[in-house]
PDB file of N, CA and C in Angstrom:
ATOM      1  N   UNK A   1      88.714  94.457  80.214  1.00  0.00           N
ATOM      2  CA  UNK A   1      90.059  94.398  80.769  1.00  0.00           C
ATOM      3  C   UNK A   1      90.038  94.494  82.295  1.00  0.00           C
ATOM      4  N   UNK A   2      91.094  94.003  82.909  1.00  0.00           N
ATOM      5  CA  UNK A   2      91.155  94.009  84.369  1.00  0.00           C
ATOM      6  C   UNK A   2      91.112  95.432  84.914  1.00  0.00           C
ATOM      7  N   UNK A   3      91.558  96.398  84.158  1.00  0.00           N
ATOM      8  CA  UNK A   3      91.543  97.783  84.608  1.00  0.00           C
ATOM      9  C   UNK A   3      90.161  98.376  84.735  1.00  0.00           C
ATOM     10  N   UNK A   4      89.158  97.755  84.125  1.00  0.00           N
ATOM     11  CA  UNK A   4      87.804  98.298  84.217  1.00  0.00           C
ATOM     12  C   UNK A   4      86.982  97.639  85.317  1.00  0.00           C
ATOM     13  N   UNK A   5      87.595  96.777  86.112  1.00  0.00           N
ATOM     14  CA  UNK A   5      86.900  96.180  87.256  1.00  0.00           C
ATOM     15  C   UNK A   5      86.745  97.250  88.319  1.00  0.00           C
ATOM     16  N   UNK A   6      85.512  97.448  88.794  1.00  0.00           N
ATOM     17  CA  UNK A   6      85.302  98.483  89.805  1.00  0.00           C
ATOM     18  C   UNK A   6      84.840  97.918  91.145  1.00  0.00           C
ATOM     19  N   UNK A   7      84.936  96.627  91.332  1.00  0.00           N
ATOM     20  CA  UNK A   7      84.575  95.979  92.593  1.00  0.00           C
ATOM     21  C   UNK A   7      85.817  95.348  93.200  1.00  0.00           C
ATOM     22  N   UNK A   8      85.792  95.184  94.504  1.00  0.00           N
ATOM     23  CA  UNK A   8      86.879  94.488  95.183  1.00  0.00           C
ATOM     24  C   UNK A   8      87.892  95.430  95.795  1.00  0.00           C
ATOM     25  N   UNK A   9      88.473  94.952  96.878  1.00  0.00           N
ATOM     26  CA  UNK A   9      89.498  95.708  97.587  1.00  0.00           C
ATOM     27  C   UNK A   9      90.876  95.234  97.151  1.00  0.00           C
ATOM     28  N   UNK A  10      91.898  95.755  97.795  1.00  0.00           N
ATOM     29  CA  UNK A  10      93.284  95.426  97.450  1.00  0.00           C
ATOM     30  C   UNK A  10      93.508  93.916  97.388  1.00  0.00           C
ATOM     31  N   UNK A  11      93.068  93.202  98.435  1.00  0.00           N
ATOM     32  CA  UNK A  11      93.347  91.760  98.491  1.00  0.00           C
ATOM     33  C   UNK A  11      92.623  91.007  97.379  1.00  0.00           C
ATOM     34  N   UNK A  12      91.405  91.406  97.045  1.00  0.00           N
ATOM     35  CA  UNK A  12      90.647  90.731  95.991  1.00  0.00           C
ATOM     36  C   UNK A  12      91.305  90.929  94.625  1.00  0.00           C
ATOM     37  N   UNK A  13      91.659  92.149  94.331  1.00  0.00           N
ATOM     38  CA  UNK A  13      92.258  92.440  93.028  1.00  0.00           C
ATOM     39  C   UNK A  13      93.650  91.832  92.900  1.00  0.00           C
ATOM     40  N   UNK A  14      94.412  91.857  94.001  1.00  0.00           N
ATOM     41  CA  UNK A  14      95.758  91.277  93.964  1.00  0.00           C
ATOM     42  C   UNK A  14      95.689  89.773  93.731  1.00  0.00           C
ATOM     43  N   UNK A  15      94.741  89.103  94.363  1.00  0.00           N
ATOM     44  CA  UNK A  15      94.591  87.663  94.173  1.00  0.00           C
ATOM     45  C   UNK A  15      94.160  87.351  92.741  1.00  0.00           C
ATOM     46  N   UNK A  16      93.238  88.122  92.198  1.00  0.00           N
ATOM     47  CA  UNK A  16      92.812  87.929  90.810  1.00  0.00           C
ATOM     48  C   UNK A  16      93.984  88.135  89.851  1.00  0.00           C
ATOM     49  N   UNK A  17      94.765  89.187  90.072  1.00  0.00           N
ATOM     50  CA  UNK A  17      95.920  89.449  89.209  1.00  0.00           C
ATOM     51  C   UNK A  17      96.914  88.307  89.285  1.00  0.00           C
ATOM     52  N   UNK A  18      97.160  87.790  90.490  1.00  0.00           N
ATOM     53  CA  UNK A  18      98.097  86.676  90.668  1.00  0.00           C
ATOM     54  C   UNK A  18      97.605  85.444  89.909  1.00  0.00           C
ATOM     55  N   UNK A  19      96.320  85.150  90.003  1.00  0.00           N
ATOM     56  CA  UNK A  19      95.762  83.993  89.281  1.00  0.00           C
ATOM     57  C   UNK A  19      95.919  84.156  87.771  1.00  0.00           C
ATOM     58  N   UNK A  20      95.618  85.344  87.269  1.00  0.00           N
ATOM     59  CA  UNK A  20      95.747  85.586  85.831  1.00  0.00           C
ATOM     60  C   UNK A  20      97.205  85.533  85.389  1.00  0.00           C
ATOM     61  N   UNK A  21      98.096  86.079  86.203  1.00  0.00           N
ATOM     62  CA  UNK A  21      99.528  86.034  85.875  1.00  0.00           C
ATOM     63  C   UNK A  21     100.024  84.592  85.839  1.00  0.00           C
ATOM     64  N   UNK A  22      99.585  83.768  86.784  1.00  0.00           N
ATOM     65  CA  UNK A  22      99.982  82.362  86.796  1.00  0.00           C
ATOM     66  C   UNK A  22      99.473  81.632  85.555  1.00  0.00           C
ATOM     67  N   UNK A  23      98.267  81.989  85.104  1.00  0.00           N
ATOM     68  CA  UNK A  23      97.702  81.331  83.920  1.00  0.00           C
ATOM     69  C   UNK A  23      98.535  81.586  82.666  1.00  0.00           C
ATOM     70  N   UNK A  24      99.143  82.746  82.575  1.00  0.00           N
ATOM     71  CA  UNK A  24      99.959  83.049  81.398  1.00  0.00           C
ATOM     72  C   UNK A  24     101.452  82.894  81.697  1.00  0.00           C
ATOM     73  N   UNK A  25     101.754  82.286  82.834  1.00  0.00           N
ATOM     74  CA  UNK A  25     103.130  81.994  83.257  1.00  0.00           C
ATOM     75  C   UNK A  25     103.995  83.252  83.350  1.00  0.00           C
ATOM     76  N   UNK A  26     103.396  84.321  83.871  1.00  0.00           N
ATOM     77  CA  UNK A  26     104.129  85.558  84.123  1.00  0.00           C
ATOM     78  C   UNK A  26     104.613  85.548  85.568  1.00  0.00           C
ATOM     79  N   UNK A  27     105.864  85.859  85.769  1.00  0.00           N
ATOM     80  CA  UNK A  27     106.424  85.878  87.113  1.00  0.00           C
ATOM     81  C   UNK A  27     105.805  87.023  87.913  1.00  0.00           C
ATOM     82  N   UNK A  28     105.200  86.675  89.041  1.00  0.00           N
ATOM     83  CA  UNK A  28     104.493  87.658  89.852  1.00  0.00           C
ATOM     84  C   UNK A  28     104.390  87.128  91.275  1.00  0.00           C
ATOM     85  N   UNK A  29     104.553  88.007  92.255  1.00  0.00           N
ATOM     86  CA  UNK A  29     104.364  87.584  93.638  1.00  0.00           C
ATOM     87  C   UNK A  29     103.113  88.236  94.201  1.00  0.00           C
ATOM     88  N   UNK A  30     102.525  87.576  95.164  1.00  0.00           N
ATOM     89  CA  UNK A  30     101.390  88.109  95.909  1.00  0.00           C
ATOM     90  C   UNK A  30     101.891  88.372  97.318  1.00  0.00           C
ATOM     91  N   UNK A  31     101.908  89.631  97.709  1.00  0.00           N
ATOM     92  CA  UNK A  31     102.435  90.025  99.012  1.00  0.00           C
ATOM     93  C   UNK A  31     101.278  90.501  99.874  1.00  0.00           C
ATOM     94  N   UNK A  32     101.221  89.981 101.096  1.00  0.00           N
ATOM     95  CA  UNK A  32     100.164  90.396 102.015  1.00  0.00           C
ATOM     96  C   UNK A  32     100.762  91.302 103.076  1.00  0.00           C
ATOM     97  N   UNK A  33     100.184  92.471 103.222  1.00  0.00           N
ATOM     98  CA  UNK A  33     100.652  93.436 104.203  1.00  0.00           C
ATOM     99  C   UNK A  33      99.712  93.498 105.391  1.00  0.00           C
ATOM    100  N   UNK A  34      99.833  94.570 106.133  1.00  0.00           N
ATOM    101  CA  UNK A  34      98.991  94.759 107.310  1.00  0.00           C
ATOM    102  C   UNK A  34      97.593  95.206 106.908  1.00  0.00           C
ATOM    103  N   UNK A  35      96.647  94.974 107.808  1.00  0.00           N
ATOM    104  CA  UNK A  35      95.264  95.422 107.646  1.00  0.00           C
ATOM    105  C   UNK A  35      94.626  94.923 106.352  1.00  0.00           C
ATOM    106  N   UNK A  36      94.918  93.688 105.994  1.00  0.00           N
ATOM    107  CA  UNK A  36      94.322  93.034 104.827  1.00  0.00           C
ATOM    108  C   UNK A  36      94.705  93.697 103.502  1.00  0.00           C
ATOM    109  N   UNK A  37      95.806  94.421 103.488  1.00  0.00           N
ATOM    110  CA  UNK A  37      96.322  94.966 102.234  1.00  0.00           C
ATOM    111  C   UNK A  37      97.088  93.871 101.518  1.00  0.00           C
ATOM    112  N   UNK A  38      97.027  93.874 100.221  1.00  0.00           N
ATOM    113  CA  UNK A  38      97.795  92.924  99.410  1.00  0.00           C
ATOM    114  C   UNK A  38      98.167  93.626  98.115  1.00  0.00           C
ATOM    115  N   UNK A  39      99.298  93.219  97.566  1.00  0.00           N
ATOM    116  CA  UNK A  39      99.742  93.799  96.305  1.00  0.00           C
ATOM    117  C   UNK A  39     100.578  92.782  95.551  1.00  0.00           C
ATOM    118  N   UNK A  40     100.791  93.071  94.286  1.00  0.00           N
ATOM    119  CA  UNK A  40     101.581  92.193  93.425  1.00  0.00           C
ATOM    120  C   UNK A  40     102.879  92.883  93.050  1.00  0.00           C
ATOM    121  N   UNK A  41     103.953  92.102  93.062  1.00  0.00           N
ATOM    122  CA  UNK A  41     105.246  92.601  92.613  1.00  0.00           C
ATOM    123  C   UNK A  41     105.664  91.817  91.373  1.00  0.00           C
ATOM    124  N   UNK A  42     106.173  92.537  90.395  1.00  0.00           N
ATOM    125  CA  UNK A  42     106.664  91.926  89.163  1.00  0.00           C
ATOM    126  C   UNK A  42     108.100  92.383  88.927  1.00  0.00           C
ATOM    127  N   UNK A  43     108.828  91.596  88.153  1.00  0.00           N
ATOM    128  CA  UNK A  43     110.203  91.934  87.781  1.00  0.00           C
ATOM    129  C   UNK A  43     110.211  92.257  86.293  1.00  0.00           C
ATOM    130  N   UNK A  44     110.784  93.399  85.953  1.00  0.00           N
ATOM    131  CA  UNK A  44     110.856  93.833  84.558  1.00  0.00           C
ATOM    132  C   UNK A  44     112.325  93.999  84.192  1.00  0.00           C
ATOM    133  N   UNK A  45     112.711  93.399  83.085  1.00  0.00           N
ATOM    134  CA  UNK A  45     114.062  93.565  82.560  1.00  0.00           C
ATOM    135  C   UNK A  45     113.995  94.606  81.455  1.00  0.00           C
ATOM    136  N   UNK A  46     114.620  95.720  81.677  1.00  0.00           N
ATOM    137  CA  UNK A  46     114.641  96.788  80.674  1.00  0.00           C
ATOM    138  C   UNK A  46     115.844  96.598  79.761  1.00  0.00           C
ATOM    139  N   UNK A  47     115.620  96.848  78.474  1.00  0.00           N
ATOM    140  CA  UNK A  47     116.715  96.702  77.510  1.00  0.00           C
ATOM    141  C   UNK A  47     117.643  97.902  77.606  1.00  0.00           C
ATOM    142  N   UNK A  48     118.919  97.640  77.628  1.00  0.00           N
ATOM    143  CA  UNK A  48     119.923  98.694  77.661  1.00  0.00           C
ATOM    144  C   UNK A  48     120.124  99.202  76.231  1.00  0.00           C
ATOM    145  N   UNK A  49     119.816 100.476  75.948  1.00  0.00           N
ATOM    146  CA  UNK A  49     119.894 100.960  74.560  1.00  0.00           C
ATOM    147  C   UNK A  49     121.309 100.989  73.995  1.00  0.00           C
ATOM    148  N   UNK A  50     122.324 101.001  74.842  1.00  0.00           N
ATOM    149  CA  UNK A  50     123.692 101.095  74.327  1.00  0.00           C
ATOM    150  C   UNK A  50     124.217  99.770  73.808  1.00  0.00           C
ATOM    151  N   UNK A  51     123.888  98.658  74.480  1.00  0.00           N
ATOM    152  CA  UNK A  51     124.433  97.380  74.005  1.00  0.00           C
ATOM    153  C   UNK A  51     123.356  96.327  73.741  1.00  0.00           C
ATOM    154  N   UNK A  52     122.086  96.726  73.801  1.00  0.00           N
ATOM    155  CA  UNK A  52     120.948  95.859  73.449  1.00  0.00           C
ATOM    156  C   UNK A  52     120.866  94.589  74.286  1.00  0.00           C
ATOM    157  N   UNK A  53     121.476  94.579  75.446  1.00  0.00           N
ATOM    158  CA  UNK A  53     121.363  93.421  76.329  1.00  0.00           C
ATOM    159  C   UNK A  53     120.489  93.797  77.520  1.00  0.00           C
ATOM    160  N   UNK A  54     119.835  92.815  78.126  1.00  0.00           N
ATOM    161  CA  UNK A  54     118.978  93.123  79.269  1.00  0.00           C
ATOM    162  C   UNK A  54     119.791  93.708  80.419  1.00  0.00           C
ATOM    163  N   UNK A  55     119.222  94.688  81.061  1.00  0.00           N
ATOM    164  CA  UNK A  55     119.885  95.292  82.205  1.00  0.00           C
ATOM    165  C   UNK A  55     119.498  94.540  83.479  1.00  0.00           C
ATOM    166  N   UNK A  56     119.851  95.098  84.598  1.00  0.00           N
ATOM    167  CA  UNK A  56     119.477  94.499  85.874  1.00  0.00           C
ATOM    168  C   UNK A  56     117.955  94.482  85.996  1.00  0.00           C
ATOM    169  N   UNK A  57     117.429  93.481  86.686  1.00  0.00           N
ATOM    170  CA  UNK A  57     115.977  93.432  86.862  1.00  0.00           C
ATOM    171  C   UNK A  57     115.499  94.576  87.753  1.00  0.00           C
ATOM    172  N   UNK A  58     114.356  95.116  87.416  1.00  0.00           N
ATOM    173  CA  UNK A  58     113.730  96.176  88.208  1.00  0.00           C
ATOM    174  C   UNK A  58     112.456  95.613  88.819  1.00  0.00           C
ATOM    175  N   UNK A  59     112.261  95.828  90.105  1.00  0.00           N
ATOM    176  CA  UNK A  59     111.081  95.333  90.805  1.00  0.00           C
ATOM    177  C   UNK A  59     110.038  96.450  90.887  1.00  0.00           C
ATOM    178  N   UNK A  60     108.805  96.079  90.579  1.00  0.00           N
ATOM    179  CA  UNK A  60     107.712  97.044  90.586  1.00  0.00           C
ATOM    180  C   UNK A  60     106.500  96.462  91.300  1.00  0.00           C
ATOM    181  N   UNK A  61     105.693  97.347  91.872  1.00  0.00           N
ATOM    182  CA  UNK A  61     104.384  96.990  92.404  1.00  0.00           C
ATOM    183  C   UNK A  61     103.368  97.391  91.344  1.00  0.00           C
ATOM    184  N   UNK A  62     102.419  96.519  91.071  1.00  0.00           N
ATOM    185  CA  UNK A  62     101.384  96.805  90.078  1.00  0.00           C
ATOM    186  C   UNK A  62     100.221  97.496  90.786  1.00  0.00           C
ATOM    187  N   UNK A  63      99.904  98.701  90.355  1.00  0.00           N
ATOM    188  CA  UNK A  63      98.778  99.445  90.931  1.00  0.00           C
ATOM    189  C   UNK A  63      97.489  98.900  90.315  1.00  0.00           C
ATOM    190  N   UNK A  64      96.658  98.305  91.132  1.00  0.00           N
ATOM    191  CA  UNK A  64      95.386  97.751  90.658  1.00  0.00           C
ATOM    192  C   UNK A  64      94.188  98.536  91.177  1.00  0.00           C
ATOM    193  N   UNK A  65      94.433  99.590  91.963  1.00  0.00           N
ATOM    194  CA  UNK A  65      93.349 100.330  92.592  1.00  0.00           C
ATOM    195  C   UNK A  65      93.186 101.748  92.038  1.00  0.00           C
ATOM    196  N   UNK A  66      94.230 102.536  92.055  1.00  0.00           N
ATOM    197  CA  UNK A  66      94.122 103.960  91.739  1.00  0.00           C
ATOM    198  C   UNK A  66      94.355 104.251  90.259  1.00  0.00           C
ATOM    199  N   UNK A  67      95.424 103.707  89.704  1.00  0.00           N
ATOM    200  CA  UNK A  67      95.723 103.829  88.272  1.00  0.00           C
ATOM    201  C   UNK A  67      96.024 102.428  87.762  1.00  0.00           C
ATOM    202  N   UNK A  68      94.988 101.617  87.516  1.00  0.00           N
ATOM    203  CA  UNK A  68      95.205 100.208  87.161  1.00  0.00           C
ATOM    204  C   UNK A  68      96.206 100.040  86.019  1.00  0.00           C
ATOM    205  N   UNK A  69      97.202  99.202  86.289  1.00  0.00           N
ATOM    206  CA  UNK A  69      98.229  98.909  85.305  1.00  0.00           C
ATOM    207  C   UNK A  69      99.504  99.706  85.483  1.00  0.00           C
ATOM    208  N   UNK A  70      99.457 100.753  86.292  1.00  0.00           N
ATOM    209  CA  UNK A  70     100.667 101.555  86.523  1.00  0.00           C
ATOM    210  C   UNK A  70     101.670 100.744  87.335  1.00  0.00           C
ATOM    211  N   UNK A  71     102.946 100.910  87.013  1.00  0.00           N
ATOM    212  CA  UNK A  71     104.010 100.228  87.747  1.00  0.00           C
ATOM    213  C   UNK A  71     104.673 101.224  88.688  1.00  0.00           C
ATOM    214  N   UNK A  72     104.716 100.860  89.964  1.00  0.00           N
ATOM    215  CA  UNK A  72     105.314 101.706  90.991  1.00  0.00           C
ATOM    216  C   UNK A  72     106.632 101.086  91.417  1.00  0.00           C
ATOM    217  N   UNK A  73     107.703 101.801  91.265  1.00  0.00           N
ATOM    218  CA  UNK A  73     109.001 101.285  91.685  1.00  0.00           C
ATOM    219  C   UNK A  73     108.992 100.955  93.171  1.00  0.00           C
ATOM    220  N   UNK A  74     109.483  99.774  93.527  1.00  0.00           N
ATOM    221  CA  UNK A  74     109.528  99.373  94.929  1.00  0.00           C
ATOM    222  C   UNK A  74     110.376 100.391  95.688  1.00  0.00           C
ATOM    223  N   UNK A  75     109.979 100.716  96.891  1.00  0.00           N
ATOM    224  CA  UNK A  75     110.663 101.668  97.777  1.00  0.00           C
ATOM    225  C   UNK A  75     110.515 103.125  97.345  1.00  0.00           C
ATOM    226  N   UNK A  76     109.641 103.410  96.400  1.00  0.00           N
ATOM    227  CA  UNK A  76     109.351 104.802  96.069  1.00  0.00           C
ATOM    228  C   UNK A  76     108.229 105.286  96.987  1.00  0.00           C
ATOM    229  N   UNK A  77     108.085 106.589  97.170  1.00  0.00           N
ATOM    230  CA  UNK A  77     106.996 107.090  98.017  1.00  0.00           C
ATOM    231  C   UNK A  77     105.616 106.611  97.560  1.00  0.00           C
ATOM    232  N   UNK A  78     105.392 106.553  96.256  1.00  0.00           N
ATOM    233  CA  UNK A  78     104.093 106.095  95.745  1.00  0.00           C
ATOM    234  C   UNK A  78     103.838 104.640  96.111  1.00  0.00           C
ATOM    235  N   UNK A  79     104.869 103.804  96.018  1.00  0.00           N
ATOM    236  CA  UNK A  79     104.721 102.388  96.364  1.00  0.00           C
ATOM    237  C   UNK A  79     104.487 102.217  97.857  1.00  0.00           C
ATOM    238  N   UNK A  80     105.212 102.962  98.663  1.00  0.00           N
ATOM    239  CA  UNK A  80     105.026 102.868 100.112  1.00  0.00           C
ATOM    240  C   UNK A  80     103.632 103.321 100.515  1.00  0.00           C
ATOM    241  N   UNK A  81     103.114 104.344  99.860  1.00  0.00           N
ATOM    242  CA  UNK A  81     101.754 104.798 100.137  1.00  0.00           C
ATOM    243  C   UNK A  81     100.736 103.736  99.716  1.00  0.00           C
ATOM    244  N   UNK A  82     100.982 103.075  98.604  1.00  0.00           N
ATOM    245  CA  UNK A  82     100.080 102.030  98.113  1.00  0.00           C
ATOM    246  C   UNK A  82     100.005 100.863  99.098  1.00  0.00           C
ATOM    247  N   UNK A  83     101.103 100.578  99.792  1.00  0.00           N
ATOM    248  CA  UNK A  83     101.175  99.445 100.707  1.00  0.00           C
ATOM    249  C   UNK A  83     100.589  99.737 102.081  1.00  0.00           C
ATOM    250  N   UNK A  84     100.328 100.996 102.397  1.00  0.00           N
ATOM    251  CA  UNK A  84      99.838 101.357 103.727  1.00  0.00           C
ATOM    252  C   UNK A  84      98.476 102.014 103.627  1.00  0.00           C
ATOM    253  N   UNK A  85      97.888 102.189 104.783  1.00  0.00           N
ATOM    254  CA  UNK A  85      96.550 102.805 104.820  1.00  0.00           C
ATOM    255  C   UNK A  85      96.657 104.299 104.632  1.00  0.00           C
TER     256      UNK A  85
END
């Protein structure tokens, strides 16, 4: 699994994730930050338990370095730390 890859920096893993996401037609962006940082953002539609209809889309950053597969809410302290040195 992609989570067991132990080589590569942020930009390498983000590019690999973007390529794999494109292959399975999953909506994903590749964002390049400062100092060669890169990350992927995905949109997740959570089901509303009260009326079983999709709620507003939620944007997340996919953690590929520290806890591979974890979703970090955009603009949260964890996401901001992931995007910076």
